[in-house]
C-alpha atoms as a PDB file:
ATOM      1  CA  MET A   1       0.184  -0.065   0.089  1.00  0.00           C
ATOM      2  CA  ALA A   2       2.946   2.430   0.683  1.00  0.00           C
ATOM      3  CA  LYS A   3       4.327   1.374  -2.603  1.00  0.00           C
ATOM      4  CA  ASP A   4       1.107   2.686  -4.238  1.00  0.00           C
ATOM      5  CA  THR A   5       1.089   5.872  -2.290  1.00  0.00           C
ATOM      6  CA  THR A   6       4.695   6.813  -3.241  1.00  0.00           C
ATOM      7  CA  ALA A   7       3.829   6.070  -6.821  1.00  0.00           C
ATOM      8  CA  SER A   8       0.819   8.455  -6.848  1.00  0.00           C
ATOM      9  CA  ASN A   9       2.880  11.031  -5.014  1.00  0.00           C
ATOM     10  CA  ASP A  10       5.551  10.807  -7.665  1.00  0.00           C
ATOM     11  CA  TYR A  11       3.064  11.087 -10.182  1.00  0.00           C
ATOM     12  CA  SER A  12       1.551  14.056  -8.550  1.00  0.00           C
ATOM     13  CA  SER A  13       4.888  15.615  -7.935  1.00  0.00           C
ATOM     14  CA  GLY A  14       5.635  15.384 -11.700  1.00  0.00           C
ATOM     15  CA  LEU A  15       2.832  17.409 -12.345  1.00  0.00           C
ATOM     16  CA  CYS A  16       3.714  20.257 -10.236  1.00  0.00           C
ATOM     17  CA  LYS A  17       7.284  20.266 -11.733  1.00  0.00           C
ATOM     18  CA  ASN A  18       5.721  20.260 -15.107  1.00  0.00           C
ATOM     19  CA  GLY A  19       2.661  22.636 -14.593  1.00  0.00           C
ATOM     20  CA  HIS A  20       1.789  22.658 -18.108  1.00  0.00           C
ATOM     21  CA  ASP A  21       2.041  18.952 -19.236  1.00  0.00           C
ATOM     22  CA  LYS A  22      -0.589  18.049 -21.893  1.00  0.00           C
ATOM     23  CA  PHE A  23      -3.512  16.405 -20.625  1.00  0.00           C
ATOM     24  CA  GLY A  24      -3.416  13.868 -23.498  1.00  0.00           C
ATOM     25  CA  LYS A  25      -0.084  12.464 -22.171  1.00  0.00           C
ATOM     26  CA  LEU A  26      -1.668  12.145 -18.784  1.00  0.00           C
ATOM     27  CA  THR A  27      -4.514  10.089 -20.056  1.00  0.00           C
ATOM     28  CA  VAL A  28      -2.353   7.760 -22.180  1.00  0.00           C
ATOM     29  CA  ASP A  29       0.123   7.074 -19.310  1.00  0.00           C
ATOM     30  CA  PHE A  30      -2.996   6.362 -17.033  1.00  0.00           C
ATOM     31  CA  ALA A  31      -4.535   3.956 -19.695  1.00  0.00           C
ATOM     32  CA  GLN A  32      -1.257   2.141 -19.873  1.00  0.00           C
ATOM     33  CA  SER A  33      -0.772   1.545 -16.075  1.00  0.00           C
ATOM     34  CA  ASN A  34      -2.143  -1.065 -14.219  1.00  0.00           C
ATOM     35  CA  GLU A  35      -2.410   0.584 -10.839  1.00  0.00           C
ATOM     36  CA  LYS A  36      -4.966  -0.056  -8.277  1.00  0.00           C
ATOM     37  CA  ALA A  37      -8.344   1.636  -8.354  1.00  0.00           C
ATOM     38  CA  HIS A  38      -7.630   4.206  -5.757  1.00  0.00           C
ATOM     39  CA  GLN A  39      -4.972   5.616  -8.251  1.00  0.00           C
ATOM     40  CA  ARG A  40      -7.682   6.731 -10.498  1.00  0.00           C
ATOM     41  CA  GLU A  41      -9.062   8.683  -7.850  1.00  0.00           C
ATOM     42  CA  VAL A  42      -5.720  10.331  -7.332  1.00  0.00           C
ATOM     43  CA  PHE A  43      -5.354  11.055 -11.083  1.00  0.00           C
ATOM     44  CA  ASP A  44      -8.926  12.614 -11.162  1.00  0.00           C
ATOM     45  CA  ASP A  45      -8.218  14.817  -8.367  1.00  0.00           C
ATOM     46  CA  THR A  46      -4.934  15.937  -9.700  1.00  0.00           C
ATOM     47  CA  LEU A  47      -6.347  16.615 -13.122  1.00  0.00           C
ATOM     48  CA  LYS A  48      -9.217  18.474 -11.657  1.00  0.00           C
ATOM     49  CA  ALA A  49      -6.717  20.760  -9.778  1.00  0.00           C
ATOM     50  CA  GLU A  50      -4.721  21.284 -13.004  1.00  0.00           C
ATOM     51  CA  ILE A  51      -7.726  22.260 -14.805  1.00  0.00           C
ATOM     52  CA  ASN A  52      -8.647  24.703 -11.974  1.00  0.00           C
ATOM     53  CA  LEU A  53      -5.085  26.215 -11.842  1.00  0.00           C
ATOM     54  CA  ARG A  54      -5.292  26.847 -15.749  1.00  0.00           C
ATOM     55  CA  ASN A  55      -8.794  28.311 -15.545  1.00  0.00           C
ATOM     56  CA  ASN A  56      -7.420  30.733 -12.761  1.00  0.00           C
ATOM     57  CA  SER A  57      -4.359  31.576 -14.699  1.00  0.00           C
ATOM     58  CA  SER A  58      -6.471  32.236 -17.690  1.00  0.00           C
ATOM     59  CA  GLU A  59      -8.921  34.574 -15.734  1.00  0.00           C
ATOM     60  CA  ARG A  60      -6.039  36.331 -14.449  1.00  0.00           C
ATOM     61  CA  THR A  61      -4.609  36.731 -17.827  1.00  0.00           C
ATOM     62  CA  ASN A  62      -7.712  37.925 -19.211  1.00  0.00           C
ATOM     63  CA  SER A  63      -8.145  40.340 -16.297  1.00  0.00           C
ATOM     64  CA  CYS A  64      -4.582  41.777 -17.260  1.00  0.00           C
ATOM     65  CA  ASP A  65      -5.457  41.865 -20.887  1.00  0.00           C
ATOM     66  CA  VAL A  66      -8.587  44.131 -19.994  1.00  0.00           C
ATOM     67  CA  ALA A  67      -6.578  46.336 -17.814  1.00  0.00           C
ATOM     68  CA  ASN A  68      -4.049  46.894 -20.618  1.00  0.00           C
ATOM     69  CA  VAL A  69      -6.625  47.688 -23.078  1.00  0.00           C
ATOM     70  CA  LYS A  70      -8.195  50.306 -20.539  1.00  0.00           C
ATOM     71  CA  LYS A  71      -4.314  51.666 -20.037  1.00  0.00           C
ATOM     72  CA  SER A  72      -3.943  51.748 -23.817  1.00  0.00           C
ATOM     73  CA  ILE A  73      -6.841  54.123 -24.980  1.00  0.00           C
ATOM     74  CA  CYS A  74      -5.768  57.764 -25.869  1.00  0.00           C
ATOM     75  CA  GLU A  75      -7.557  60.235 -23.430  1.00  0.00           C
ATOM     76  CA  GLU A  76      -7.313  62.934 -26.154  1.00  0.00           C
ATOM     77  CA  CYS A  77      -8.824  61.330 -28.969  1.00  0.00           C
ATOM     78  CA  GLY A  78     -10.135  57.953 -27.808  1.00  0.00           C
ATOM     79  CA  LYS A  79      -7.873  55.841 -30.188  1.00  0.00           C
ATOM     80  CA  SER A  80      -7.083  52.376 -28.726  1.00  0.00           C
ATOM     81  CA  PHE A  81      -3.766  50.460 -28.887  1.00  0.00           C
ATOM     82  CA  ARG A  82      -2.809  46.936 -28.356  1.00  0.00           C
ATOM     83  CA  ASN A  83       0.050  48.020 -25.839  1.00  0.00           C
ATOM     84  CA  ARG A  84       1.185  50.927 -23.954  1.00  0.00           C
ATOM     85  CA  SER A  85       4.268  51.542 -26.036  1.00  0.00           C
ATOM     86  CA  GLY A  86       1.971  52.048 -28.978  1.00  0.00           C
ATOM     87  CA  LEU A  87      -0.083  54.453 -27.056  1.00  0.00           C
ATOM     88  CA  GLN A  88       3.004  56.356 -25.970  1.00  0.00           C
ATOM     89  CA  ARG A  89       4.291  56.732 -29.497  1.00  0.00           C
ATOM     90  CA  HIS A  90       0.900  58.054 -30.367  1.00  0.00           C
ATOM     91  CA  LEU A  91       0.780  60.761 -27.768  1.00  0.00           C
ATOM     92  CA  LEU A  92       3.637  62.410 -29.460  1.00  0.00           C
ATOM     93  CA  ILE A  93       1.292  63.443 -32.102  1.00  0.00           C
ATOM     94  CA  HIS A  94      -0.730  65.544 -29.598  1.00  0.00           C
ATOM     95  CA  THR A  95       2.296  66.864 -27.801  1.00  0.00           C
ATOM     96  CA  ASN A  96       4.123  67.669 -31.198  1.00  0.00           C
ATOM     97  CA  GLU A  97       7.127  66.157 -29.416  1.00  0.00           C
ATOM     98  CA  LYS A  98      10.019  64.928 -31.855  1.00  0.00           C
ATOM     99  CA  PRO A  99      12.535  63.484 -29.588  1.00  0.00           C
ATOM    100  CA  PHE A 100      14.656  61.680 -32.186  1.00  0.00           C
ATOM    101  CA  ILE A 101      17.123  64.185 -33.793  1.00  0.00           C
ATOM    102  CA  CYS A 102      19.345  63.569 -36.879  1.00  0.00           C
ATOM    103  CA  ASP A 103      23.035  64.209 -35.943  1.00  0.00           C
ATOM    104  CA  ILE A 104      23.855  65.409 -39.386  1.00  0.00           C
ATOM    105  CA  CYS A 105      21.253  67.864 -40.355  1.00  0.00           C
ATOM    106  CA  GLY A 106      19.300  68.507 -37.048  1.00  0.00           C
ATOM    107  CA  LYS A 107      15.981  67.377 -38.331  1.00  0.00           C
ATOM    108  CA  ALA A 108      13.662  65.895 -35.737  1.00  0.00           C
ATOM    109  CA  PHE A 109      11.405  62.897 -35.909  1.00  0.00           C
ATOM    110  CA  ARG A 110       8.590  61.632 -33.523  1.00  0.00           C
ATOM    111  CA  GLN A 111       9.862  57.955 -33.964  1.00  0.00           C
ATOM    112  CA  ARG A 112      13.044  56.122 -34.054  1.00  0.00           C
ATOM    113  CA  ALA A 113      12.160  54.216 -37.255  1.00  0.00           C
ATOM    114  CA  ASN A 114      11.463  57.328 -39.180  1.00  0.00           C
ATOM    115  CA  LEU A 115      14.875  58.790 -37.942  1.00  0.00           C
ATOM    116  CA  LYS A 116      16.765  55.644 -39.357  1.00  0.00           C
ATOM    117  CA  SER A 117      14.892  55.988 -42.680  1.00  0.00           C
ATOM    118  CA  HIS A 118      15.959  59.624 -42.874  1.00  0.00           C
ATOM    119  CA  ILE A 119      19.456  58.800 -42.195  1.00  0.00           C
ATOM    120  CA  VAL A 120      19.722  56.617 -45.172  1.00  0.00           C
ATOM    121  CA  THR A 121      19.080  59.916 -47.215  1.00  0.00           C
ATOM    122  CA  HIS A 122      22.486  61.186 -45.976  1.00  0.00           C
ATOM    123  CA  THR A 123      24.281  57.999 -46.830  1.00  0.00           C
ATOM    124  CA  LYS A 124      22.738  57.485 -50.121  1.00  0.00           C
ATOM    125  CA  GLU A 125      22.527  53.797 -49.312  1.00  0.00           C
ATOM    126  CA  LYS A 126      19.590  51.578 -50.621  1.00  0.00           C
ATOM    127  CA  PRO A 127      19.426  48.469 -48.928  1.00  0.00           C
ATOM    128  CA  TYR A 128      16.097  47.403 -50.048  1.00  0.00           C
ATOM    129  CA  VAL A 129      16.169  45.318 -53.349  1.00  0.00           C
ATOM    130  CA  CYS A 130      13.111  44.461 -55.484  1.00  0.00           C
ATOM    131  CA  GLU A 131      13.364  40.665 -56.334  1.00  0.00           C
ATOM    132  CA  ALA A 132      11.443  41.236 -59.684  1.00  0.00           C
ATOM    133  CA  CYS A 133      13.570  43.967 -61.272  1.00  0.00           C
ATOM    134  CA  SER A 134      16.375  44.282 -58.901  1.00  0.00           C
ATOM    135  CA  LYS A 135      15.585  48.226 -58.251  1.00  0.00           C
ATOM    136  CA  THR A 136      16.901  49.326 -54.905  1.00  0.00           C
ATOM    137  CA  PHE A 137      15.158  51.634 -52.301  1.00  0.00           C
ATOM    138  CA  ARG A 138      16.183  53.647 -49.257  1.00  0.00           C
ATOM    139  CA  SER A 139      13.220  52.390 -47.061  1.00  0.00           C
ATOM    140  CA  ASN A 140      11.228  49.265 -47.065  1.00  0.00           C
ATOM    141  CA  ARG A 141       7.880  51.281 -47.168  1.00  0.00           C
ATOM    142  CA  ASN A 142       9.331  52.507 -50.798  1.00  0.00           C
ATOM    143  CA  LEU A 143      10.104  48.983 -51.667  1.00  0.00           C
ATOM    144  CA  GLN A 144       6.464  47.653 -50.765  1.00  0.00           C
ATOM    145  CA  ARG A 145       4.935  50.412 -52.676  1.00  0.00           C
ATOM    146  CA  HIS A 146       7.077  49.586 -55.601  1.00  0.00           C
ATOM    147  CA  ILE A 147       6.220  46.010 -55.530  1.00  0.00           C
ATOM    148  CA  ARG A 148       2.645  46.782 -56.118  1.00  0.00           C
ATOM    149  CA  ILE A 149       3.698  47.976 -59.610  1.00  0.00           C
ATOM    150  CA  HIS A 150       4.639  44.198 -60.412  1.00  0.00           C
ATOM    151  CA  THR A 151       1.494  42.763 -58.573  1.00  0.00           C
ATOM    152  CA  LYS A 152      -0.883  45.400 -59.765  1.00  0.00           C
ATOM    153  CA  GLU A 153      -1.995  45.372 -56.210  1.00  0.00           C
ATOM    154  CA  LYS A 154      -4.247  48.316 -54.903  1.00  0.00           C
ATOM    155  CA  PRO A 155      -5.348  47.442 -51.446  1.00  0.00           C
ATOM    156  CA  TYR A 156      -6.412  50.920 -50.376  1.00  0.00           C
ATOM    157  CA  VAL A 157      -9.892  51.997 -51.523  1.00  0.00           C
ATOM    158  CA  CYS A 158     -12.006  54.876 -51.258  1.00  0.00           C
ATOM    159  CA  GLU A 159     -15.223  54.529 -49.426  1.00  0.00           C
ATOM    160  CA  VAL A 160     -16.804  57.362 -51.264  1.00  0.00           C
ATOM    161  CA  CYS A 161     -16.086  56.711 -54.886  1.00  0.00           C
ATOM    162  CA  SER A 162     -14.531  53.040 -54.659  1.00  0.00           C
ATOM    163  CA  LYS A 163     -11.307  54.431 -56.378  1.00  0.00           C
ATOM    164  CA  SER A 164      -8.408  51.963 -55.241  1.00  0.00           C
ATOM    165  CA  PHE A 165      -4.856  53.109 -54.591  1.00  0.00           C
ATOM    166  CA  ALA A 166      -1.360  51.274 -54.152  1.00  0.00           C
ATOM    167  CA  ASP A 167      -0.201  53.542 -51.541  1.00  0.00           C
ATOM    168  CA  TYR A 168      -2.230  54.721 -48.286  1.00  0.00           C
ATOM    169  CA  GLN A 169      -0.777  58.170 -48.498  1.00  0.00           C
ATOM    170  CA  ASP A 170      -2.276  58.556 -52.047  1.00  0.00           C
ATOM    171  CA  LEU A 171      -5.504  57.439 -50.670  1.00  0.00           C
ATOM    172  CA  LYS A 172      -5.344  60.009 -47.993  1.00  0.00           C
ATOM    173  CA  ARG A 173      -4.346  62.775 -50.536  1.00  0.00           C
ATOM    174  CA  HIS A 174      -7.358  61.676 -52.656  1.00  0.00           C
ATOM    175  CA  LEU A 175      -9.918  61.675 -49.848  1.00  0.00           C
ATOM    176  CA  ARG A 176      -9.321  65.580 -49.646  1.00  0.00           C
ATOM    177  CA  ILE A 177     -11.226  65.930 -52.847  1.00  0.00           C
ATOM    178  CA  HIS A 178     -14.402  64.597 -51.283  1.00  0.00           C
ATOM    179  CA  THR A 179     -13.876  66.441 -48.103  1.00  0.00           C
ATOM    180  CA  LYS A 180     -12.676  69.618 -49.637  1.00  0.00           C
ATOM    181  CA  GLU A 181     -10.086  69.623 -46.624  1.00  0.00           C
ATOM    182  CA  LYS A 182      -7.038  71.881 -46.971  1.00  0.00           C
ATOM    183  CA  PRO A 183      -4.873  71.259 -43.789  1.00  0.00           C
ATOM    184  CA  TYR A 184      -1.945  73.518 -44.892  1.00  0.00           C
ATOM    185  CA  VAL A 185      -2.707  77.312 -43.877  1.00  0.00           C
ATOM    186  CA  CYS A 186      -0.474  80.063 -44.705  1.00  0.00           C
ATOM    187  CA  GLU A 187       0.121  82.003 -41.425  1.00  0.00           C
ATOM    188  CA  VAL A 188       0.415  85.400 -43.644  1.00  0.00           C
ATOM    189  CA  CYS A 189      -2.733  85.297 -45.248  1.00  0.00           C
ATOM    190  CA  SER A 190      -4.684  82.351 -44.080  1.00  0.00           C
ATOM    191  CA  LYS A 191      -4.984  80.645 -47.683  1.00  0.00           C
ATOM    192  CA  ALA A 192      -5.170  76.930 -47.418  1.00  0.00           C
ATOM    193  CA  PHE A 193      -3.733  74.224 -49.472  1.00  0.00           C
ATOM    194  CA  VAL A 194      -4.283  70.593 -49.981  1.00  0.00           C
ATOM    195  CA  ARG A 195      -0.541  69.795 -49.970  1.00  0.00           C
ATOM    196  CA  ARG A 196       2.283  71.044 -48.040  1.00  0.00           C
ATOM    197  CA  SER A 197       4.479  71.469 -50.903  1.00  0.00           C
ATOM    198  CA  CYS A 198       1.875  73.933 -52.624  1.00  0.00           C
ATOM    199  CA  LEU A 199       1.995  75.852 -49.150  1.00  0.00           C
ATOM    200  CA  ARG A 200       5.878  76.057 -49.448  1.00  0.00           C
ATOM    201  CA  SER A 201       5.742  77.360 -52.844  1.00  0.00           C
ATOM    202  CA  HIS A 202       2.960  79.876 -51.943  1.00  0.00           C
ATOM    203  CA  LEU A 203       5.056  81.403 -48.957  1.00  0.00           C
ATOM    204  CA  PHE A 204       7.845  82.476 -51.345  1.00  0.00           C
ATOM    205  CA  SER A 205       5.003  85.167 -52.911  1.00  0.00           C
ATOM    206  CA  HIS A 206       5.193  86.908 -49.516  1.00  0.00           C
ATOM    207  CA  SER A 207       8.826  87.616 -49.432  1.00  0.00           C
ATOM    208  CA  GLU A 208      10.047  90.579 -51.276  1.00  0.00           C
ATOM    209  CA  GLU A 209      13.707  90.197 -50.233  1.00  0.00           C
ATOM    210  CA  LYS A 210      15.695  88.333 -52.770  1.00  0.00           C
ATOM    211  CA  HIS A 211      19.242  87.660 -51.209  1.00  0.00           C
ATOM    212  CA  TYR A 212      19.966  84.361 -53.151  1.00  0.00           C
ATOM    213  CA  VAL A 213      21.504  84.975 -56.435  1.00  0.00           C
ATOM    214  CA  CYS A 214      22.143  82.245 -59.220  1.00  0.00           C
ATOM    215  CA  GLU A 215      25.783  82.535 -60.118  1.00  0.00           C
ATOM    216  CA  VAL A 216      25.054  81.100 -63.583  1.00  0.00           C
ATOM    217  CA  CYS A 217      22.358  83.480 -64.766  1.00  0.00           C
ATOM    218  CA  GLY A 218      21.981  85.991 -62.185  1.00  0.00           C
ATOM    219  CA  LYS A 219      18.299  85.199 -61.218  1.00  0.00           C
ATOM    220  CA  GLU A 220      17.413  86.046 -57.775  1.00  0.00           C
ATOM    221  CA  PHE A 221      15.443  84.232 -55.427  1.00  0.00           C
ATOM    222  CA  THR A 222      13.791  84.817 -51.873  1.00  0.00           C
ATOM    223  CA  ASN A 223      15.174  81.657 -50.079  1.00  0.00           C
ATOM    224  CA  GLY A 224      18.111  79.204 -50.465  1.00  0.00           C
ATOM    225  CA  TYR A 225      15.648  76.204 -51.185  1.00  0.00           C
ATOM    226  CA  ALA A 226      14.292  78.077 -54.456  1.00  0.00           C
ATOM    227  CA  LEU A 227      17.764  78.759 -55.591  1.00  0.00           C
ATOM    228  CA  LYS A 228      18.675  75.068 -55.078  1.00  0.00           C
ATOM    229  CA  LEU A 229      15.907  74.019 -57.181  1.00  0.00           C
ATOM    230  CA  HIS A 230      16.715  76.612 -59.938  1.00  0.00           C
ATOM    231  CA  LEU A 231      20.194  75.395 -59.952  1.00  0.00           C
ATOM    232  CA  ARG A 232      19.030  71.972 -61.000  1.00  0.00           C
ATOM    233  CA  THR A 233      17.971  73.541 -64.349  1.00  0.00           C
ATOM    234  CA  HIS A 234      21.423  74.361 -65.202  1.00  0.00           C
ATOM    235  CA  ALA A 235      23.027  71.344 -63.933  1.00  0.00           C
ATOM    236  CA  GLU A 236      20.262  69.195 -65.614  1.00  0.00           C
ATOM    237  CA  GLU A 237      19.909  67.289 -62.365  1.00  0.00           C
ATOM    238  CA  LYS A 238      16.770  65.304 -62.098  1.00  0.00           C
ATOM    239  CA  PRO A 239      16.708  63.377 -58.726  1.00  0.00           C
ATOM    240  CA  TYR A 240      13.012  62.472 -58.724  1.00  0.00           C
ATOM    241  CA  VAL A 241      12.264  59.498 -60.705  1.00  0.00           C
ATOM    242  CA  CYS A 242       8.908  57.840 -61.421  1.00  0.00           C
ATOM    243  CA  GLU A 243       9.014  54.401 -60.360  1.00  0.00           C
ATOM    244  CA  VAL A 244       6.158  53.364 -62.655  1.00  0.00           C
ATOM    245  CA  CYS A 245       7.863  54.395 -66.120  1.00  0.00           C
ATOM    246  CA  GLY A 246      11.369  55.679 -65.086  1.00  0.00           C
ATOM    247  CA  LYS A 247      10.877  59.495 -66.174  1.00  0.00           C
ATOM    248  CA  ALA A 248      13.018  61.767 -64.138  1.00  0.00           C
ATOM    249  CA  PHE A 249      12.026  65.314 -62.931  1.00  0.00           C
ATOM    250  CA  THR A 250      13.840  68.273 -61.193  1.00  0.00           C
ATOM    251  CA  HIS A 251      11.208  69.075 -58.760  1.00  0.00           C
ATOM    252  CA  LYS A 252       9.231  66.597 -56.254  1.00  0.00           C
ATOM    253  CA  CYS A 253       5.883  68.425 -57.193  1.00  0.00           C
ATOM    254  CA  THR A 254       6.358  67.818 -60.830  1.00  0.00           C
ATOM    255  CA  LEU A 255       7.008  64.198 -60.203  1.00  0.00           C
ATOM    256  CA  ARG A 256       3.821  64.270 -58.063  1.00  0.00           C
ATOM    257  CA  SER A 257       1.745  65.853 -60.866  1.00  0.00           C
ATOM    258  CA  HIS A 258       3.097  63.261 -63.206  1.00  0.00           C
ATOM    259  CA  LEU A 259       2.037  60.400 -61.204  1.00  0.00           C
ATOM    260  CA  PHE A 260      -1.613  61.437 -61.689  1.00  0.00           C
ATOM    261  CA  ILE A 261      -1.250  60.154 -65.242  1.00  0.00           C
ATOM    262  CA  HIS A 262      -0.636  56.600 -63.968  1.00  0.00           C
ATOM    263  CA  THR A 263      -3.403  56.775 -61.584  1.00  0.00           C
ATOM    264  CA  ASN A 264      -5.803  58.770 -63.766  1.00  0.00           C
ATOM    265  CA  GLU A 265      -6.217  60.854 -60.784  1.00  0.00           C
ATOM    266  CA  LYS A 266      -7.625  64.499 -61.150  1.00  0.00           C
ATOM    267  CA  PRO A 267      -7.453  66.069 -57.688  1.00  0.00           C
ATOM    268  CA  TYR A 268      -8.013  69.721 -58.428  1.00  0.00           C
ATOM    269  CA  SER A 269     -11.851  70.368 -58.998  1.00  0.00           C
ATOM    270  CA  CYS A 270     -13.382  73.514 -60.382  1.00  0.00           C
ATOM    271  CA  GLU A 271     -15.785  74.871 -57.783  1.00  0.00           C
ATOM    272  CA  ILE A 272     -17.997  76.430 -60.516  1.00  0.00           C
ATOM    273  CA  CYS A 273     -18.541  73.398 -63.046  1.00  0.00           C
ATOM    274  CA  ALA A 274     -17.010  70.690 -61.090  1.00  0.00           C
ATOM    275  CA  LYS A 275     -14.450  70.055 -63.823  1.00  0.00           C
ATOM    276  CA  THR A 276     -11.207  68.097 -62.499  1.00  0.00           C
ATOM    277  CA  PHE A 277      -7.600  68.611 -63.546  1.00  0.00           C
ATOM    278  CA  ARG A 278      -4.332  66.844 -62.672  1.00  0.00           C
ATOM    279  CA  GLN A 279      -2.389  70.080 -62.148  1.00  0.00           C
ATOM    280  CA  ILE A 280      -3.369  73.247 -60.250  1.00  0.00           C
ATOM    281  CA  SER A 281      -2.008  75.350 -62.823  1.00  0.00           C
ATOM    282  CA  HIS A 282      -4.492  73.933 -65.503  1.00  0.00           C
ATOM    283  CA  LEU A 283      -7.353  74.483 -63.033  1.00  0.00           C
ATOM    284  CA  GLN A 284      -6.108  78.153 -62.625  1.00  0.00           C
ATOM    285  CA  GLN A 285      -6.045  78.634 -66.573  1.00  0.00           C
ATOM    286  CA  HIS A 286      -9.530  77.115 -66.656  1.00  0.00           C
ATOM    287  CA  LEU A 287     -10.931  79.459 -64.083  1.00  0.00           C
ATOM    288  CA  LEU A 288     -10.253  82.278 -66.540  1.00  0.00           C
ATOM    289  CA  THR A 289     -12.931  80.904 -68.746  1.00  0.00           C
ATOM    290  CA  HIS A 290     -15.518  81.643 -65.966  1.00  0.00           C
ATOM    291  CA  THR A 291     -14.158  85.165 -65.055  1.00  0.00           C
ATOM    292  CA  LYS A 292     -13.551  86.072 -68.723  1.00  0.00           C
ATOM    293  CA  GLU A 293     -10.370  87.456 -67.750  1.00  0.00           C
ATOM    294  CA  LYS A 294      -7.889  87.682 -70.435  1.00  0.00           C
ATOM    295  CA  THR A 295      -4.303  87.693 -69.099  1.00  0.00           C
ATOM    296  CA  HIS A 296      -2.449  86.533 -72.006  1.00  0.00           C
ATOM    297  CA  GLU A 297      -1.659  89.578 -74.446  1.00  0.00           C
ATOM    298  CA  CYS A 298       0.079  89.421 -77.728  1.00  0.00           C
ATOM    299  CA  ASN A 299       3.150  91.742 -77.963  1.00  0.00           C
ATOM    300  CA  THR A 300       2.648  92.307 -81.667  1.00  0.00           C
ATOM    301  CA  CYS A 301      -1.165  93.477 -81.991  1.00  0.00           C
ATOM    302  CA  GLY A 302      -2.286  93.656 -78.328  1.00  0.00           C
ATOM    303  CA  LYS A 303      -5.093  91.012 -78.557  1.00  0.00           C
ATOM    304  CA  THR A 304      -5.590  89.099 -75.349  1.00  0.00           C
ATOM    305  CA  PHE A 305      -6.557  85.567 -74.581  1.00  0.00           C
ATOM    306  CA  THR A 306      -7.767  83.769 -71.503  1.00  0.00           C
ATOM    307  CA  GLN A 307      -5.335  80.882 -71.967  1.00  0.00           C
ATOM    308  CA  ARG A 308      -1.683  80.787 -72.932  1.00  0.00           C
ATOM    309  CA  SER A 309      -2.559  78.002 -75.514  1.00  0.00           C
ATOM    310  CA  GLY A 310      -4.808  80.588 -77.386  1.00  0.00           C
ATOM    311  CA  LEU A 311      -1.933  83.115 -77.349  1.00  0.00           C
ATOM    312  CA  LEU A 312       0.458  80.655 -78.730  1.00  0.00           C
ATOM    313  CA  TYR A 313      -1.892  79.640 -81.469  1.00  0.00           C
ATOM    314  CA  HIS A 314      -2.373  83.435 -82.220  1.00  0.00           C
ATOM    315  CA  LEU A 315       1.258  83.977 -82.452  1.00  0.00           C
ATOM    316  CA  SER A 316       1.812  81.365 -85.167  1.00  0.00           C
ATOM    317  CA  VAL A 317      -0.569  83.403 -87.268  1.00  0.00           C
ATOM    318  CA  HIS A 318       1.929  86.435 -87.010  1.00  0.00           C
ATOM    319  CA  GLU A 319       4.940  83.860 -87.863  1.00  0.00           C
ATOM    320  CA  LYS A 320       2.995  82.807 -90.987  1.00  0.00           C
ATOM    321  CA  GLU A 321       2.407  86.612 -91.945  1.00  0.00           C
ATOM    322  CA  LYS A 322       6.206  87.320 -91.708  1.00  0.00           C
ATOM    323  CA  MET A 323       6.862  84.284 -94.299  1.00  0.00           C
END
């Protein structure tokens, strides 16, 4: 009898040491044993204890999960996160805090991952390679966006018009067509813009001082950035390349306008007749047809036109007259 008790104690002890043994193994071991009837009672009691232990542990885990969920809700906007670290990163948006600073140029970022991606722009390193065409990229995000050119995948769908996009940022910009949202506001005149680049270009119009002079042609500019862009026209430098067709551009904004050809997107809409355009300059020219304003004047005869294309066609008439 003592032997049986020792055996069952050893068996029970084994359970304690291996608190998460599979129940199936316990059942097989018991079925293969030829112990006396009371050992079944010991086994059943042990099994019940193990089940209770697991249930209690699960309840505690679920309780902790609920507590974590409660802790991971932003009090500013109500957005929830899976863990507290995600919430902490999100809070930087509300505080506008940017703790991660580039040692090379001093630019600041909210997240370490964004800083790492930025640093690559200084090193010119492109560690991410497309397996389909061997093209290289500075960031994994740009690689994933490029891969969708090969797969033709457009996972981001507009809920208003069902138009789909390969990149989430393209969808966000597109949605502003429907919402009429213009989040970038000029602090000087309060004029609002859909894109930051448009606001940046607009700000140049407020500054009359031109301290930046091109050494090649003598043209003056209000800021260093505008001069830098201008110098590319002399150097024929085109750093912005279309990932769809390979065409290169001097300015990023020109590349963005070009991309609308591939997506067939026309984000600039006339508020009078709802006609849409790929470029804001085309919209501006179109608006003159409503105002009947004729800003393009022929230097030969003084005739005026609402659009530059009309003036150019008219000038060809004078050229033929000379012939």
